[in-house]
């Protein structure tokens, strides 16, 4: 799964999402966590950064507490699950990031690791989004989830799952509203392990209250 990541204004990149982020992101999220409002780029507004809450609240939910909000969606079952099937067709998004965290189980306990690109540039996860209307207040809640797939060779010693990472060309395809489902499904694969790196980080990351640069520093 993917339950924590980082996205900061200092990170650079050449993708559309990266360039939008450079212009519109002011606050650093060293320890982005579920329920927080974080930047996304949607297929309906591909030239804008929007801030949605992480953890998908499906439009059909009766109230905020009636369903458990999904922070991840498995690529293998994305066309089967009712919560994701229609969103996959019509509400896709990019989730910009400069790295994510995962915990490796060891005899000494769980050791957090940060995983990122070797060039340390911004990249994007493949995501889905939805909007939910609170009928009691009229407020619209925008939320998203990150799609995960099986781990690549870099990730396997740390965890058996990883978020779907899109290349710059794949970002454009993911937001294309005219792409057939088969083409979109082909994007939901493990990213090239040779283009990534990982290192252990401080247990500070264990608490989302710790939104400080030390969270992403190597031990």
C-alpha atoms as a PDB file:
ATOM      1  CA  UNK A   1       0.000   0.000   0.000  1.00  0.00           C
ATOM      2  CA  UNK A   2       0.977   3.655   0.004  1.00  0.00           C
ATOM      3  CA  UNK A   3       0.091   5.449   3.228  1.00  0.00           C
ATOM      4  CA  UNK A   4       2.547   8.326   3.340  1.00  0.00           C
ATOM      5  CA  UNK A   5       4.499  10.448   0.856  1.00  0.00           C
ATOM      6  CA  UNK A   6       6.154  13.844   0.427  1.00  0.00           C
ATOM      7  CA  UNK A   7       5.701  16.771  -1.941  1.00  0.00           C
ATOM      8  CA  UNK A   8       7.650  20.003  -1.565  1.00  0.00           C
ATOM      9  CA  UNK A   9       8.025  23.223  -3.581  1.00  0.00           C
ATOM     10  CA  UNK A  10      11.806  22.743  -3.806  1.00  0.00           C
ATOM     11  CA  UNK A  11      11.527  19.568  -5.874  1.00  0.00           C
ATOM     12  CA  UNK A  12      11.871  20.071  -9.627  1.00  0.00           C
ATOM     13  CA  UNK A  13      10.746  18.183 -12.705  1.00  0.00           C
ATOM     14  CA  UNK A  14       9.919  18.472 -16.392  1.00  0.00           C
ATOM     15  CA  UNK A  15       6.404  17.055 -16.410  1.00  0.00           C
ATOM     16  CA  UNK A  16       3.229  19.114 -16.660  1.00  0.00           C
ATOM     17  CA  UNK A  17       2.305  18.276 -13.077  1.00  0.00           C
ATOM     18  CA  UNK A  18       5.754  19.313 -11.865  1.00  0.00           C
ATOM     19  CA  UNK A  19       5.609  22.656 -13.631  1.00  0.00           C
ATOM     20  CA  UNK A  20       2.119  23.371 -12.283  1.00  0.00           C
ATOM     21  CA  UNK A  21       3.263  22.465  -8.804  1.00  0.00           C
ATOM     22  CA  UNK A  22       6.267  24.758  -9.036  1.00  0.00           C
ATOM     23  CA  UNK A  23       3.912  27.689  -9.647  1.00  0.00           C
ATOM     24  CA  UNK A  24       1.168  26.899  -7.164  1.00  0.00           C
ATOM     25  CA  UNK A  25       2.565  24.914  -4.224  1.00  0.00           C
ATOM     26  CA  UNK A  26       3.791  27.038  -1.329  1.00  0.00           C
ATOM     27  CA  UNK A  27       3.581  24.687   1.652  1.00  0.00           C
ATOM     28  CA  UNK A  28       5.943  21.724   2.057  1.00  0.00           C
ATOM     29  CA  UNK A  29       4.385  18.358   2.833  1.00  0.00           C
ATOM     30  CA  UNK A  30       7.290  16.283   4.120  1.00  0.00           C
ATOM     31  CA  UNK A  31       4.923  13.732   5.643  1.00  0.00           C
ATOM     32  CA  UNK A  32       1.702  13.804   3.627  1.00  0.00           C
ATOM     33  CA  UNK A  33      -0.926  11.616   5.285  1.00  0.00           C
ATOM     34  CA  UNK A  34      -4.517  10.453   4.680  1.00  0.00           C
ATOM     35  CA  UNK A  35      -7.300  13.019   5.237  1.00  0.00           C
ATOM     36  CA  UNK A  36      -4.967  15.940   4.452  1.00  0.00           C
ATOM     37  CA  UNK A  37      -5.743  18.260   1.515  1.00  0.00           C
ATOM     38  CA  UNK A  38      -2.976  17.706  -1.019  1.00  0.00           C
ATOM     39  CA  UNK A  39      -2.289  18.737  -4.639  1.00  0.00           C
ATOM     40  CA  UNK A  40      -3.691  16.786  -7.581  1.00  0.00           C
ATOM     41  CA  UNK A  41      -4.170  17.346 -11.314  1.00  0.00           C
ATOM     42  CA  UNK A  42      -7.457  15.973 -12.660  1.00  0.00           C
ATOM     43  CA  UNK A  43      -8.547  14.919 -16.143  1.00  0.00           C
ATOM     44  CA  UNK A  44     -11.291  17.563 -16.075  1.00  0.00           C
ATOM     45  CA  UNK A  45      -8.874  20.386 -15.188  1.00  0.00           C
ATOM     46  CA  UNK A  46      -5.522  19.192 -16.583  1.00  0.00           C
ATOM     47  CA  UNK A  47      -3.952  22.652 -16.503  1.00  0.00           C
ATOM     48  CA  UNK A  48      -4.613  23.392 -12.833  1.00  0.00           C
ATOM     49  CA  UNK A  49      -3.491  22.282  -9.394  1.00  0.00           C
ATOM     50  CA  UNK A  50      -6.388  21.429  -7.089  1.00  0.00           C
ATOM     51  CA  UNK A  51      -6.266  20.431  -3.430  1.00  0.00           C
ATOM     52  CA  UNK A  52      -8.305  17.320  -2.601  1.00  0.00           C
ATOM     53  CA  UNK A  53      -8.529  15.257   0.576  1.00  0.00           C
ATOM     54  CA  UNK A  54      -6.577  11.993   0.484  1.00  0.00           C
ATOM     55  CA  UNK A  55      -8.927   9.073   1.040  1.00  0.00           C
ATOM     56  CA  UNK A  56     -11.714   8.418  -1.456  1.00  0.00           C
ATOM     57  CA  UNK A  57     -15.255   9.239  -0.320  1.00  0.00           C
ATOM     58  CA  UNK A  58     -17.550   7.697  -2.980  1.00  0.00           C
ATOM     59  CA  UNK A  59     -20.381   9.878  -4.232  1.00  0.00           C
ATOM     60  CA  UNK A  60     -22.985   7.303  -3.182  1.00  0.00           C
ATOM     61  CA  UNK A  61     -22.000   7.247   0.517  1.00  0.00           C
ATOM     62  CA  UNK A  62     -24.895   8.238   2.782  1.00  0.00           C
ATOM     63  CA  UNK A  63     -22.682  10.248   5.125  1.00  0.00           C
ATOM     64  CA  UNK A  64     -19.044  10.844   5.998  1.00  0.00           C
ATOM     65  CA  UNK A  65     -18.883   7.878   8.370  1.00  0.00           C
ATOM     66  CA  UNK A  66     -20.918   5.343   6.392  1.00  0.00           C
ATOM     67  CA  UNK A  67     -17.910   3.968   4.467  1.00  0.00           C
ATOM     68  CA  UNK A  68     -14.207   3.695   5.189  1.00  0.00           C
ATOM     69  CA  UNK A  69     -12.373   6.086   2.912  1.00  0.00           C
ATOM     70  CA  UNK A  70      -9.945   4.282   0.596  1.00  0.00           C
ATOM     71  CA  UNK A  71      -6.426   5.712   0.444  1.00  0.00           C
ATOM     72  CA  UNK A  72      -5.411   3.079  -2.133  1.00  0.00           C
ATOM     73  CA  UNK A  73      -7.001   1.195  -5.027  1.00  0.00           C
ATOM     74  CA  UNK A  74      -5.493  -2.076  -6.247  1.00  0.00           C
ATOM     75  CA  UNK A  75      -4.702  -2.003  -9.980  1.00  0.00           C
ATOM     76  CA  UNK A  76      -5.577  -5.688 -10.315  1.00  0.00           C
ATOM     77  CA  UNK A  77      -9.231  -5.164  -9.319  1.00  0.00           C
ATOM     78  CA  UNK A  78      -9.823  -1.575 -10.384  1.00  0.00           C
ATOM     79  CA  UNK A  79     -12.342  -2.523 -13.084  1.00  0.00           C
ATOM     80  CA  UNK A  80     -14.270  -4.784 -10.701  1.00  0.00           C
ATOM     81  CA  UNK A  81     -14.733  -2.793  -7.484  1.00  0.00           C
ATOM     82  CA  UNK A  82     -17.887  -0.612  -7.544  1.00  0.00           C
ATOM     83  CA  UNK A  83     -16.053   2.229  -5.771  1.00  0.00           C
ATOM     84  CA  UNK A  84     -13.431   2.448  -8.519  1.00  0.00           C
ATOM     85  CA  UNK A  85     -14.878   1.011 -11.748  1.00  0.00           C
ATOM     86  CA  UNK A  86     -16.694   4.114 -12.986  1.00  0.00           C
ATOM     87  CA  UNK A  87     -14.035   6.491 -11.679  1.00  0.00           C
ATOM     88  CA  UNK A  88     -11.444   4.630 -13.735  1.00  0.00           C
ATOM     89  CA  UNK A  89     -13.468   5.536 -16.817  1.00  0.00           C
ATOM     90  CA  UNK A  90     -14.167   9.173 -16.014  1.00  0.00           C
ATOM     91  CA  UNK A  91     -12.321  10.597 -12.978  1.00  0.00           C
ATOM     92  CA  UNK A  92      -8.579  10.028 -13.131  1.00  0.00           C
ATOM     93  CA  UNK A  93      -5.900  12.232 -11.613  1.00  0.00           C
ATOM     94  CA  UNK A  94      -2.179  12.698 -11.119  1.00  0.00           C
ATOM     95  CA  UNK A  95      -0.830  12.859  -7.575  1.00  0.00           C
ATOM     96  CA  UNK A  96       2.467  14.814  -7.678  1.00  0.00           C
ATOM     97  CA  UNK A  97       5.198  13.687  -5.284  1.00  0.00           C
ATOM     98  CA  UNK A  98       8.954  13.674  -4.791  1.00  0.00           C
ATOM     99  CA  UNK A  99       9.041  10.428  -2.806  1.00  0.00           C
ATOM    100  CA  UNK A 100       6.982   7.998  -0.732  1.00  0.00           C
ATOM    101  CA  UNK A 101       7.474   5.997   2.447  1.00  0.00           C
ATOM    102  CA  UNK A 102       7.118   2.327   3.239  1.00  0.00           C
ATOM    103  CA  UNK A 103       7.921   0.260   6.336  1.00  0.00           C
ATOM    104  CA  UNK A 104      10.127  -2.811   6.150  1.00  0.00           C
ATOM    105  CA  UNK A 105       9.415  -5.521   8.724  1.00  0.00           C
ATOM    106  CA  UNK A 106      12.631  -6.628  10.465  1.00  0.00           C
ATOM    107  CA  UNK A 107      13.436  -8.609  13.633  1.00  0.00           C
ATOM    108  CA  UNK A 108      14.132  -5.252  15.290  1.00  0.00           C
ATOM    109  CA  UNK A 109      10.752  -3.830  14.279  1.00  0.00           C
ATOM    110  CA  UNK A 110       9.383  -1.837  11.341  1.00  0.00           C
ATOM    111  CA  UNK A 111      11.981   0.357   9.642  1.00  0.00           C
ATOM    112  CA  UNK A 112      10.654   3.258   7.539  1.00  0.00           C
ATOM    113  CA  UNK A 113      12.218   3.846   4.119  1.00  0.00           C
ATOM    114  CA  UNK A 114      11.893   6.676   1.635  1.00  0.00           C
ATOM    115  CA  UNK A 115      11.610   5.696  -2.019  1.00  0.00           C
ATOM    116  CA  UNK A 116      12.208   8.169  -4.840  1.00  0.00           C
ATOM    117  CA  UNK A 117      13.659   8.599  -8.325  1.00  0.00           C
ATOM    118  CA  UNK A 118      17.436   8.486  -8.692  1.00  0.00           C
ATOM    119  CA  UNK A 119      17.384  11.974 -10.228  1.00  0.00           C
ATOM    120  CA  UNK A 120      15.278  13.160  -7.256  1.00  0.00           C
ATOM    121  CA  UNK A 121      12.808  14.917  -9.568  1.00  0.00           C
ATOM    122  CA  UNK A 122       9.076  15.245  -9.049  1.00  0.00           C
ATOM    123  CA  UNK A 123       6.906  12.482 -10.482  1.00  0.00           C
ATOM    124  CA  UNK A 124       3.255  11.450 -10.273  1.00  0.00           C
ATOM    125  CA  UNK A 125       1.227   8.569  -8.930  1.00  0.00           C
ATOM    126  CA  UNK A 126      -1.800   7.415 -10.881  1.00  0.00           C
ATOM    127  CA  UNK A 127      -4.948   8.278  -8.924  1.00  0.00           C
ATOM    128  CA  UNK A 128      -8.724   8.367  -9.019  1.00  0.00           C
ATOM    129  CA  UNK A 129     -10.922  11.126  -7.622  1.00  0.00           C
ATOM    130  CA  UNK A 130     -14.551  11.702  -6.744  1.00  0.00           C
ATOM    131  CA  UNK A 131     -16.841  14.363  -5.327  1.00  0.00           C
ATOM    132  CA  UNK A 132     -19.357  13.825  -2.554  1.00  0.00           C
ATOM    133  CA  UNK A 133     -22.258  16.120  -1.702  1.00  0.00           C
ATOM    134  CA  UNK A 134     -23.135  16.638   1.948  1.00  0.00           C
ATOM    135  CA  UNK A 135     -26.900  17.009   1.622  1.00  0.00           C
ATOM    136  CA  UNK A 136     -27.204  18.507   5.092  1.00  0.00           C
ATOM    137  CA  UNK A 137     -24.889  21.436   4.332  1.00  0.00           C
ATOM    138  CA  UNK A 138     -24.612  21.558   0.543  1.00  0.00           C
ATOM    139  CA  UNK A 139     -20.831  21.286   0.845  1.00  0.00           C
ATOM    140  CA  UNK A 140     -18.986  19.316  -1.847  1.00  0.00           C
ATOM    141  CA  UNK A 141     -16.063  17.168  -0.678  1.00  0.00           C
ATOM    142  CA  UNK A 142     -13.393  16.322  -3.262  1.00  0.00           C
ATOM    143  CA  UNK A 143     -11.284  13.262  -2.479  1.00  0.00           C
ATOM    144  CA  UNK A 144      -8.796  10.947  -4.172  1.00  0.00           C
ATOM    145  CA  UNK A 145      -7.084   7.585  -3.901  1.00  0.00           C
ATOM    146  CA  UNK A 146      -3.685   6.330  -5.118  1.00  0.00           C
ATOM    147  CA  UNK A 147      -3.525   3.225  -7.314  1.00  0.00           C
ATOM    148  CA  UNK A 148      -1.083   0.506  -6.228  1.00  0.00           C
ATOM    149  CA  UNK A 149       0.455  -2.475  -8.005  1.00  0.00           C
ATOM    150  CA  UNK A 150       2.891  -5.285  -7.209  1.00  0.00           C
ATOM    151  CA  UNK A 151       6.364  -4.326  -6.032  1.00  0.00           C
ATOM    152  CA  UNK A 152       9.339  -4.019  -8.376  1.00  0.00           C
ATOM    153  CA  UNK A 153      12.776  -5.464  -7.542  1.00  0.00           C
ATOM    154  CA  UNK A 154      13.779  -2.400  -5.496  1.00  0.00           C
ATOM    155  CA  UNK A 155      10.616  -2.514  -3.407  1.00  0.00           C
ATOM    156  CA  UNK A 156      10.289  -6.269  -2.822  1.00  0.00           C
ATOM    157  CA  UNK A 157      12.703  -6.388   0.146  1.00  0.00           C
ATOM    158  CA  UNK A 158      10.761  -3.517   1.742  1.00  0.00           C
ATOM    159  CA  UNK A 159       7.109  -4.240   0.869  1.00  0.00           C
ATOM    160  CA  UNK A 160       5.091  -6.336  -1.586  1.00  0.00           C
ATOM    161  CA  UNK A 161       3.121  -3.368  -2.980  1.00  0.00           C
ATOM    162  CA  UNK A 162       4.007   0.018  -4.438  1.00  0.00           C
ATOM    163  CA  UNK A 163       2.114   2.980  -5.909  1.00  0.00           C
ATOM    164  CA  UNK A 164       1.727   3.171  -9.685  1.00  0.00           C
ATOM    165  CA  UNK A 165       4.298   5.709 -10.916  1.00  0.00           C
ATOM    166  CA  UNK A 166       3.729   7.349 -14.300  1.00  0.00           C
ATOM    167  CA  UNK A 167       6.416   8.533 -16.712  1.00  0.00           C
ATOM    168  CA  UNK A 168       5.949  12.006 -18.279  1.00  0.00           C
ATOM    169  CA  UNK A 169       4.384  10.517 -21.429  1.00  0.00           C
ATOM    170  CA  UNK A 170       2.142   8.283 -19.347  1.00  0.00           C
ATOM    171  CA  UNK A 171       0.918  11.281 -17.351  1.00  0.00           C
ATOM    172  CA  UNK A 172      -0.551  12.742 -20.545  1.00  0.00           C
ATOM    173  CA  UNK A 173      -2.171   9.423 -21.452  1.00  0.00           C
ATOM    174  CA  UNK A 174      -3.647   8.993 -17.969  1.00  0.00           C
ATOM    175  CA  UNK A 175      -5.447  12.328 -18.216  1.00  0.00           C
ATOM    176  CA  UNK A 176      -6.597  11.759 -21.815  1.00  0.00           C
ATOM    177  CA  UNK A 177     -10.387  11.347 -21.710  1.00  0.00           C
ATOM    178  CA  UNK A 178     -10.438   9.544 -25.079  1.00  0.00           C
ATOM    179  CA  UNK A 179      -8.024   6.716 -24.328  1.00  0.00           C
ATOM    180  CA  UNK A 180      -9.547   3.202 -24.374  1.00  0.00           C
ATOM    181  CA  UNK A 181      -9.633   1.244 -21.132  1.00  0.00           C
ATOM    182  CA  UNK A 182      -7.097  -1.304 -22.381  1.00  0.00           C
ATOM    183  CA  UNK A 183      -4.481   1.407 -22.943  1.00  0.00           C
ATOM    184  CA  UNK A 184      -5.074   2.850 -19.490  1.00  0.00           C
ATOM    185  CA  UNK A 185      -4.813  -0.547 -17.816  1.00  0.00           C
ATOM    186  CA  UNK A 186      -1.428  -1.090 -19.488  1.00  0.00           C
ATOM    187  CA  UNK A 187      -0.065   1.879 -17.511  1.00  0.00           C
ATOM    188  CA  UNK A 188      -0.818   0.261 -14.146  1.00  0.00           C
ATOM    189  CA  UNK A 189       2.445  -1.638 -13.787  1.00  0.00           C
ATOM    190  CA  UNK A 190       5.521  -1.541 -11.519  1.00  0.00           C
ATOM    191  CA  UNK A 191       7.912   1.307 -12.343  1.00  0.00           C
ATOM    192  CA  UNK A 192      11.442   0.583 -13.578  1.00  0.00           C
ATOM    193  CA  UNK A 193      13.469  -0.289 -10.463  1.00  0.00           C
ATOM    194  CA  UNK A 194      16.714   0.868 -12.121  1.00  0.00           C
ATOM    195  CA  UNK A 195      15.410   4.443 -12.101  1.00  0.00           C
ATOM    196  CA  UNK A 196      14.648   4.446  -8.370  1.00  0.00           C
ATOM    197  CA  UNK A 197      16.463   4.409  -5.054  1.00  0.00           C
ATOM    198  CA  UNK A 198      15.547   3.884  -1.396  1.00  0.00           C
ATOM    199  CA  UNK A 199      17.053   4.643   1.993  1.00  0.00           C
ATOM    200  CA  UNK A 200      16.036   4.279   5.669  1.00  0.00           C
ATOM    201  CA  UNK A 201      14.663   7.354   7.428  1.00  0.00           C
ATOM    202  CA  UNK A 202      13.925   8.487  10.965  1.00  0.00           C
ATOM    203  CA  UNK A 203      10.950   7.099  12.916  1.00  0.00           C
ATOM    204  CA  UNK A 204       9.738  10.709  12.918  1.00  0.00           C
ATOM    205  CA  UNK A 205       7.744   9.745   9.833  1.00  0.00           C
ATOM    206  CA  UNK A 206       5.604   7.431  11.974  1.00  0.00           C
ATOM    207  CA  UNK A 207       3.556  10.431  13.157  1.00  0.00           C
ATOM    208  CA  UNK A 208       1.894  12.698  10.555  1.00  0.00           C
ATOM    209  CA  UNK A 209       2.261  15.514  13.085  1.00  0.00           C
ATOM    210  CA  UNK A 210       5.959  15.589  12.216  1.00  0.00           C
ATOM    211  CA  UNK A 211       5.898  17.707   9.059  1.00  0.00           C
ATOM    212  CA  UNK A 212       9.575  18.674   9.185  1.00  0.00           C
ATOM    213  CA  UNK A 213      12.534  18.316   6.761  1.00  0.00           C
ATOM    214  CA  UNK A 214      14.194  15.762   9.047  1.00  0.00           C
ATOM    215  CA  UNK A 215      11.469  13.273   8.038  1.00  0.00           C
ATOM    216  CA  UNK A 216      13.006  12.828   4.566  1.00  0.00           C
ATOM    217  CA  UNK A 217      16.662  12.824   5.659  1.00  0.00           C
ATOM    218  CA  UNK A 218      18.666   9.629   5.323  1.00  0.00           C
ATOM    219  CA  UNK A 219      19.771   7.954   8.554  1.00  0.00           C
END
